Amino acid sequence: MPAMTAITSSSRAFAAIFWGGLTCGILDLASALVAYGARGAKLIRIPQSIASGLLGPDAYKGGAGTAILGVALHFFIAFGAATVYYIASRSMGLLRDRPVICGFLYGEMVYLFMNFVVLPLAGLHRPPLSIASLVTGPVGHLFFVGLPIALAVHHYSK
């Protein structure tokens, strides 16, 4: 019977991380495409800007290839964020039991980490303050990053 518990536990962990990361990745990327697309940005430049963290300015010259790389990197980050939350939730039951407030707080923590650690290390700058940067930044990370991850972990931890 212990082997069955391990299988169930690991499949629940996989499901929580998979669905949390996938939902987060889709919602966060969609919010950026809508918010910046509404401002007239070329949509291909959004995932290319993600790839530019790895490739520098040459990412904007790479066409669809660097856009695909940017999407892959974006989902790598989303699944990484879901994995971190899931692992933390194993020792902090509050993260499992209070998904809305913890998800909102986690979304903001991810936003701060991305803007004050990841972007500077990648040599990138934060976008100037605008409605689009609010939707994809501190406001969007509440609903499109932290909340879906926390809800997935909550759901699969029952």
C-alpha atoms as a PDB file:
ATOM      1  CA  MET A   1       0.000   0.000   0.000  1.00  0.00           C
ATOM      2  CA  PRO A   2       2.833   2.539   0.611  1.00  0.00           C
ATOM      3  CA  ALA A   3       3.861   2.274  -3.057  1.00  0.00           C
ATOM      4  CA  MET A   4       0.338   3.262  -4.085  1.00  0.00           C
ATOM      5  CA  THR A   5       0.494   6.328  -1.832  1.00  0.00           C
ATOM      6  CA  ALA A   6       3.791   7.395  -3.426  1.00  0.00           C
ATOM      7  CA  ILE A   7       2.317   7.072  -6.920  1.00  0.00           C
ATOM      8  CA  THR A   8      -0.744   9.058  -5.934  1.00  0.00           C
ATOM      9  CA  SER A   9       1.375  11.678  -4.188  1.00  0.00           C
ATOM     10  CA  SER A  10       3.770  12.105  -7.108  1.00  0.00           C
ATOM     11  CA  SER A  11       0.964  12.209  -9.675  1.00  0.00           C
ATOM     12  CA  ARG A  12      -0.819  14.880  -7.598  1.00  0.00           C
ATOM     13  CA  ALA A  13       2.438  16.856  -7.417  1.00  0.00           C
ATOM     14  CA  PHE A  14       2.887  16.581 -11.178  1.00  0.00           C
ATOM     15  CA  ALA A  15      -0.741  17.626 -11.788  1.00  0.00           C
ATOM     16  CA  ALA A  16      -0.479  20.630  -9.441  1.00  0.00           C
ATOM     17  CA  ILE A  17       2.731  21.841 -11.057  1.00  0.00           C
ATOM     18  CA  PHE A  18       1.583  21.072 -14.602  1.00  0.00           C
ATOM     19  CA  TRP A  19      -1.826  22.751 -14.382  1.00  0.00           C
ATOM     20  CA  GLY A  20      -0.585  25.641 -12.263  1.00  0.00           C
ATOM     21  CA  GLY A  21       2.345  26.321 -14.584  1.00  0.00           C
ATOM     22  CA  LEU A  22       0.351  25.855 -17.778  1.00  0.00           C
ATOM     23  CA  THR A  23      -2.496  28.110 -16.645  1.00  0.00           C
ATOM     24  CA  CYS A  24      -0.088  30.726 -15.334  1.00  0.00           C
ATOM     25  CA  GLY A  25       1.946  30.633 -18.558  1.00  0.00           C
ATOM     26  CA  ILE A  26      -1.097  30.976 -20.800  1.00  0.00           C
ATOM     27  CA  LEU A  27      -2.769  33.744 -18.789  1.00  0.00           C
ATOM     28  CA  ASP A  28       0.412  35.747 -18.252  1.00  0.00           C
ATOM     29  CA  LEU A  29       1.459  35.564 -21.904  1.00  0.00           C
ATOM     30  CA  ALA A  30      -2.075  36.304 -23.114  1.00  0.00           C
ATOM     31  CA  SER A  31      -2.278  39.362 -20.855  1.00  0.00           C
ATOM     32  CA  ALA A  32       0.985  40.676 -22.314  1.00  0.00           C
ATOM     33  CA  LEU A  33      -0.164  40.051 -25.896  1.00  0.00           C
ATOM     34  CA  VAL A  34      -3.489  41.812 -25.267  1.00  0.00           C
ATOM     35  CA  ALA A  35      -2.111  44.704 -23.196  1.00  0.00           C
ATOM     36  CA  TYR A  36       0.843  45.524 -25.450  1.00  0.00           C
ATOM     37  CA  GLY A  37      -1.000  44.575 -28.646  1.00  0.00           C
ATOM     38  CA  ALA A  38      -3.685  47.117 -27.760  1.00  0.00           C
ATOM     39  CA  ARG A  39      -0.915  49.725 -27.612  1.00  0.00           C
ATOM     40  CA  GLY A  40       0.133  48.808 -31.138  1.00  0.00           C
ATOM     41  CA  ALA A  41       3.138  46.609 -30.359  1.00  0.00           C
ATOM     42  CA  LYS A  42       4.033  43.916 -32.874  1.00  0.00           C
ATOM     43  CA  LEU A  43       2.993  40.714 -31.147  1.00  0.00           C
ATOM     44  CA  ILE A  44       6.112  38.818 -32.235  1.00  0.00           C
ATOM     45  CA  ARG A  45       8.240  41.273 -30.230  1.00  0.00           C
ATOM     46  CA  ILE A  46       6.672  40.183 -26.928  1.00  0.00           C
ATOM     47  CA  PRO A  47       8.101  36.646 -26.884  1.00  0.00           C
ATOM     48  CA  GLN A  48      11.250  37.955 -28.586  1.00  0.00           C
ATOM     49  CA  SER A  49      11.707  40.309 -25.630  1.00  0.00           C
ATOM     50  CA  ILE A  50      11.685  37.255 -23.352  1.00  0.00           C
ATOM     51  CA  ALA A  51      14.312  35.587 -25.542  1.00  0.00           C
ATOM     52  CA  SER A  52      16.380  38.776 -25.427  1.00  0.00           C
ATOM     53  CA  GLY A  53      17.172  37.961 -21.812  1.00  0.00           C
ATOM     54  CA  LEU A  54      19.264  35.095 -23.183  1.00  0.00           C
ATOM     55  CA  LEU A  55      20.247  36.381 -26.629  1.00  0.00           C
ATOM     56  CA  GLY A  56      20.431  40.126 -26.102  1.00  0.00           C
ATOM     57  CA  PRO A  57      19.254  42.532 -28.834  1.00  0.00           C
ATOM     58  CA  ASP A  58      19.839  39.899 -31.532  1.00  0.00           C
ATOM     59  CA  ALA A  59      16.610  38.219 -30.372  1.00  0.00           C
ATOM     60  CA  TYR A  60      14.649  40.870 -32.275  1.00  0.00           C
ATOM     61  CA  LYS A  61      16.403  39.878 -35.518  1.00  0.00           C
ATOM     62  CA  GLY A  62      15.592  36.180 -35.176  1.00  0.00           C
ATOM     63  CA  GLY A  63      12.034  36.143 -36.468  1.00  0.00           C
ATOM     64  CA  ALA A  64       9.755  33.283 -35.490  1.00  0.00           C
ATOM     65  CA  GLY A  65      12.646  31.208 -34.145  1.00  0.00           C
ATOM     66  CA  THR A  66      13.464  33.606 -31.340  1.00  0.00           C
ATOM     67  CA  ALA A  67       9.753  34.163 -30.667  1.00  0.00           C
ATOM     68  CA  ILE A  68       9.360  30.398 -30.169  1.00  0.00           C
ATOM     69  CA  LEU A  69      12.404  30.404 -27.896  1.00  0.00           C
ATOM     70  CA  GLY A  70      10.800  33.248 -25.917  1.00  0.00           C
ATOM     71  CA  VAL A  71       7.562  31.298 -25.505  1.00  0.00           C
ATOM     72  CA  ALA A  72       9.515  28.227 -24.362  1.00  0.00           C
ATOM     73  CA  LEU A  73      11.469  30.314 -21.850  1.00  0.00           C
ATOM     74  CA  HIS A  74       8.251  31.917 -20.634  1.00  0.00           C
ATOM     75  CA  PHE A  75       6.703  28.517 -19.914  1.00  0.00           C
ATOM     76  CA  PHE A  76       9.943  27.304 -18.319  1.00  0.00           C
ATOM     77  CA  ILE A  77       9.667  30.229 -15.902  1.00  0.00           C
ATOM     78  CA  ALA A  78       5.946  29.578 -15.297  1.00  0.00           C
ATOM     79  CA  PHE A  79       6.544  25.901 -14.511  1.00  0.00           C
ATOM     80  CA  GLY A  80       9.485  26.913 -12.321  1.00  0.00           C
ATOM     81  CA  ALA A  81       7.254  29.300 -10.356  1.00  0.00           C
ATOM     82  CA  ALA A  82       4.639  26.557  -9.939  1.00  0.00           C
ATOM     83  CA  THR A  83       7.313  24.116  -8.769  1.00  0.00           C
ATOM     84  CA  VAL A  84       8.651  26.555  -6.166  1.00  0.00           C
ATOM     85  CA  TYR A  85       5.146  27.203  -4.813  1.00  0.00           C
ATOM     86  CA  TYR A  86       4.340  23.490  -4.702  1.00  0.00           C
ATOM     87  CA  ILE A  87       7.552  22.629  -2.860  1.00  0.00           C
ATOM     88  CA  ALA A  88       7.007  25.460  -0.371  1.00  0.00           C
ATOM     89  CA  SER A  89       3.417  24.297   0.178  1.00  0.00           C
ATOM     90  CA  ARG A  90       4.626  20.920   1.407  1.00  0.00           C
ATOM     91  CA  SER A  91       6.085  22.491   4.554  1.00  0.00           C
ATOM     92  CA  MET A  92       3.768  25.522   4.841  1.00  0.00           C
ATOM     93  CA  GLY A  93       0.179  24.338   4.990  1.00  0.00           C
ATOM     94  CA  LEU A  94      -1.073  27.922   4.804  1.00  0.00           C
ATOM     95  CA  LEU A  95      -0.072  27.949   1.123  1.00  0.00           C
ATOM     96  CA  ARG A  96      -2.410  25.008   0.503  1.00  0.00           C
ATOM     97  CA  ASP A  97      -5.215  26.125   2.805  1.00  0.00           C
ATOM     98  CA  ARG A  98      -5.502  29.805   1.810  1.00  0.00           C
ATOM     99  CA  PRO A  99      -4.944  29.791  -1.951  1.00  0.00           C
ATOM    100  CA  VAL A 100      -6.432  33.199  -2.774  1.00  0.00           C
ATOM    101  CA  ILE A 101      -4.487  35.380  -0.361  1.00  0.00           C
ATOM    102  CA  CYS A 102      -1.332  33.262  -0.646  1.00  0.00           C
ATOM    103  CA  GLY A 103      -1.648  33.205  -4.432  1.00  0.00           C
ATOM    104  CA  PHE A 104      -1.953  36.986  -4.558  1.00  0.00           C
ATOM    105  CA  LEU A 105       1.080  37.382  -2.305  1.00  0.00           C
ATOM    106  CA  TYR A 106       3.049  34.840  -4.315  1.00  0.00           C
ATOM    107  CA  GLY A 107       2.152  36.591  -7.572  1.00  0.00           C
ATOM    108  CA  GLU A 108       3.587  39.821  -6.184  1.00  0.00           C
ATOM    109  CA  MET A 109       6.699  38.030  -4.963  1.00  0.00           C
ATOM    110  CA  VAL A 110       7.222  36.574  -8.438  1.00  0.00           C
ATOM    111  CA  TYR A 111       6.716  40.043  -9.945  1.00  0.00           C
ATOM    112  CA  LEU A 112       9.288  41.590  -7.589  1.00  0.00           C
ATOM    113  CA  PHE A 113      11.761  38.746  -8.176  1.00  0.00           C
ATOM    114  CA  MET A 114      11.423  39.035 -11.948  1.00  0.00           C
ATOM    115  CA  ASN A 115      11.768  42.834 -11.940  1.00  0.00           C
ATOM    116  CA  PHE A 116      14.483  43.310  -9.355  1.00  0.00           C
ATOM    117  CA  VAL A 117      16.558  40.134  -9.827  1.00  0.00           C
ATOM    118  CA  VAL A 118      15.938  38.398 -13.175  1.00  0.00           C
ATOM    119  CA  LEU A 119      15.595  41.417 -15.475  1.00  0.00           C
ATOM    120  CA  PRO A 120      18.698  43.209 -14.126  1.00  0.00           C
ATOM    121  CA  LEU A 121      20.750  39.990 -14.298  1.00  0.00           C
ATOM    122  CA  ALA A 122      19.627  39.551 -17.911  1.00  0.00           C
ATOM    123  CA  GLY A 123      20.604  43.147 -18.683  1.00  0.00           C
ATOM    124  CA  LEU A 124      16.994  44.130 -19.346  1.00  0.00           C
ATOM    125  CA  HIS A 125      15.057  47.102 -18.052  1.00  0.00           C
ATOM    126  CA  ARG A 126      11.607  47.234 -16.515  1.00  0.00           C
ATOM    127  CA  PRO A 127       8.991  48.638 -18.882  1.00  0.00           C
ATOM    128  CA  PRO A 128       7.945  52.247 -18.240  1.00  0.00           C
ATOM    129  CA  LEU A 129       4.810  52.738 -16.170  1.00  0.00           C
ATOM    130  CA  SER A 130       1.687  52.380 -18.310  1.00  0.00           C
ATOM    131  CA  ILE A 131      -1.646  50.594 -18.248  1.00  0.00           C
ATOM    132  CA  ALA A 132       0.008  47.732 -20.145  1.00  0.00           C
ATOM    133  CA  SER A 133       2.858  47.457 -17.638  1.00  0.00           C
ATOM    134  CA  LEU A 134       0.360  47.439 -14.748  1.00  0.00           C
ATOM    135  CA  VAL A 135      -1.763  44.732 -16.397  1.00  0.00           C
ATOM    136  CA  THR A 136       1.289  42.566 -17.043  1.00  0.00           C
ATOM    137  CA  GLY A 137       3.070  43.590 -13.852  1.00  0.00           C
ATOM    138  CA  PRO A 138       1.865  44.064 -10.299  1.00  0.00           C
ATOM    139  CA  VAL A 139      -1.858  43.756 -11.074  1.00  0.00           C
ATOM    140  CA  GLY A 140      -1.587  40.950 -13.606  1.00  0.00           C
ATOM    141  CA  HIS A 141       0.714  38.863 -11.439  1.00  0.00           C
ATOM    142  CA  LEU A 142      -1.997  38.722  -8.770  1.00  0.00           C
ATOM    143  CA  PHE A 143      -4.535  37.090 -11.066  1.00  0.00           C
ATOM    144  CA  PHE A 144      -2.484  35.546 -13.881  1.00  0.00           C
ATOM    145  CA  VAL A 145       0.525  34.147 -12.014  1.00  0.00           C
ATOM    146  CA  GLY A 146       0.061  33.641  -8.284  1.00  0.00           C
ATOM    147  CA  LEU A 147      -3.624  32.797  -8.172  1.00  0.00           C
ATOM    148  CA  PRO A 148      -3.708  30.014 -10.799  1.00  0.00           C
ATOM    149  CA  ILE A 149      -0.635  28.389  -9.283  1.00  0.00           C
ATOM    150  CA  ALA A 150      -2.041  28.526  -5.741  1.00  0.00           C
ATOM    151  CA  LEU A 151      -5.456  27.262  -6.853  1.00  0.00           C
ATOM    152  CA  ALA A 152      -3.889  24.319  -8.696  1.00  0.00           C
ATOM    153  CA  VAL A 153      -1.787  23.401  -5.662  1.00  0.00           C
ATOM    154  CA  HIS A 154      -4.828  23.733  -3.422  1.00  0.00           C
ATOM    155  CA  HIS A 155      -6.952  21.576  -5.727  1.00  0.00           C
ATOM    156  CA  TYR A 156      -4.412  18.764  -6.064  1.00  0.00           C
ATOM    157  CA  SER A 157      -3.487  18.804  -2.364  1.00  0.00           C
ATOM    158  CA  LYS A 158      -6.928  17.632  -1.239  1.00  0.00           C
END
